[in-house]
Amino acid sequence: MKIEVYSAKQRTVEDLAWCALCHGKEFIYWVDGYLLCYEGSFEAKDSRFCVTDCCIAQKPKYEKGIKVEGVGTIPSATLPVARASATAEKILKEAQKLLENPT
């Protein structure tokens, strides 16, 4: 399967977690010292996964959850953190390449 990442951004842990919570993510990924959150879809015809938006944050130590402070009508919550799947690891690598060499 080919993975294509079209947009990547480095964020703080707090910003990444807040954004994930606001976008209704059930969890975020952790791999090799980074948190990862992304939006994407699988294109079966081409056997590729297209990531439209990807955010990464440095998080050296794995924790099972990240506390996100609420505001207004959004209550505080703990966002679960999962160890990354093989696909998520590939997405992280592609996002890091994009951040190193923006086009």
Protein backbone atom coordinates (compact mmCIF):
# COMPACT_ATOMS: atom_id res chain seq x y z
CA MET A 1 0.00 0.00 0.00
CA LYS A 2 1.28 3.42 -0.92
CA ILE A 3 0.88 6.27 1.56
CA GLU A 4 0.67 9.88 0.41
CA VAL A 5 0.73 12.78 2.89
CA TYR A 6 -0.37 16.11 1.43
CA SER A 7 -0.16 18.37 4.49
CA ALA A 8 1.87 18.07 7.70
CA LYS A 9 2.39 20.39 10.62
CA GLN A 10 4.51 20.27 13.77
CA ARG A 11 2.45 21.22 16.84
CA THR A 12 2.74 21.25 20.60
CA VAL A 13 1.30 18.29 22.49
CA GLU A 14 -1.43 20.56 23.90
CA ASP A 15 -2.45 21.93 20.49
CA LEU A 16 -2.48 18.49 18.88
CA ALA A 17 -4.60 17.01 21.68
CA TRP A 18 -7.05 19.95 21.67
CA CYS A 19 -7.46 19.76 17.90
CA ALA A 20 -8.00 15.98 18.04
CA LEU A 21 -10.64 16.40 20.75
CA CYS A 22 -12.45 19.15 18.82
CA HIS A 23 -12.47 17.02 15.65
CA GLY A 24 -13.98 14.06 17.48
CA LYS A 25 -10.97 11.77 17.33
CA GLU A 26 -11.37 8.76 19.60
CA PHE A 27 -7.61 8.51 20.15
CA ILE A 28 -4.23 9.63 18.83
CA TYR A 29 -1.12 7.60 18.05
CA TRP A 30 2.31 7.49 19.69
CA VAL A 31 5.39 6.17 17.91
CA ASP A 32 9.11 6.61 18.56
CA GLY A 33 8.79 9.78 20.64
CA TYR A 34 6.04 11.45 18.61
CA LEU A 35 2.28 11.88 18.84
CA LEU A 36 0.42 11.61 15.56
CA CYS A 37 -3.05 12.62 14.47
CA TYR A 38 -4.29 12.54 10.90
CA GLU A 39 -7.24 12.71 8.51
CA GLY A 40 -7.18 10.38 5.55
CA SER A 41 -8.93 7.88 3.36
CA PHE A 42 -8.08 4.63 1.61
CA GLU A 43 -8.35 4.58 -2.17
CA ALA A 44 -8.97 0.90 -2.94
CA LYS A 45 -8.72 1.37 -6.71
CA ASP A 46 -5.11 2.55 -6.42
CA SER A 47 -4.28 0.69 -3.19
CA ARG A 48 -3.14 3.90 -1.53
CA PHE A 49 -3.90 5.78 1.65
CA CYS A 50 -4.23 9.54 1.16
CA VAL A 51 -3.60 11.70 4.23
CA THR A 52 -5.03 15.18 3.75
CA ASP A 53 -3.90 16.57 7.10
CA CYS A 54 -1.35 15.26 9.57
CA CYS A 55 -0.08 16.79 12.80
CA ILE A 56 2.84 15.57 14.86
CA ALA A 57 4.17 16.60 18.26
CA GLN A 58 7.25 15.54 20.16
CA LYS A 59 6.37 13.33 23.13
CA PRO A 60 9.42 11.35 24.24
CA LYS A 61 7.60 9.24 26.81
CA TYR A 62 4.53 7.10 26.06
CA GLU A 63 1.47 7.68 28.21
CA LYS A 64 -1.90 5.96 27.81
CA GLY A 65 -3.79 9.25 27.84
CA ILE A 66 -3.43 13.00 27.61
CA LYS A 67 -5.56 15.32 29.73
CA VAL A 68 -7.21 18.05 27.65
CA GLU A 69 -8.62 21.06 29.49
CA GLY A 70 -12.09 22.02 28.36
CA VAL A 71 -13.46 25.46 27.64
CA GLY A 72 -17.00 26.77 27.41
CA THR A 73 -19.32 23.97 26.35
CA ILE A 74 -16.46 21.52 25.73
CA PRO A 75 -15.74 19.57 28.92
CA SER A 76 -12.27 18.47 29.97
CA ALA A 77 -11.40 14.97 28.81
CA THR A 78 -8.63 12.44 28.70
CA LEU A 79 -7.75 11.56 25.12
CA PRO A 80 -6.51 7.98 24.78
CA VAL A 81 -3.11 7.41 23.18
CA ALA A 82 -2.50 4.19 21.27
CA ARG A 83 0.83 2.78 20.23
CA ALA A 84 0.98 3.22 16.48
CA SER A 85 0.03 0.60 13.94
CA ALA A 86 2.37 -0.15 11.04
CA THR A 87 0.28 2.15 8.85
CA ALA A 88 0.50 5.01 11.36
CA GLU A 89 4.28 4.53 11.54
CA LYS A 90 4.48 4.91 7.76
CA ILE A 91 2.30 8.01 7.88
CA LEU A 92 4.64 9.56 10.48
CA LYS A 93 7.68 8.87 8.30
CA GLU A 94 6.01 10.44 5.26
CA ALA A 95 4.89 13.47 7.30
CA GLN A 96 8.43 13.95 8.63
CA LYS A 97 9.80 13.83 5.07
CA LEU A 98 7.27 16.48 4.04
CA LEU A 99 8.24 18.73 6.96
CA GLU A 100 11.94 18.36 6.12
CA ASN A 101 11.44 19.08 2.41
CA PRO A 102 8.32 21.21 1.85
CA THR A 103 7.39 21.69 -1.78
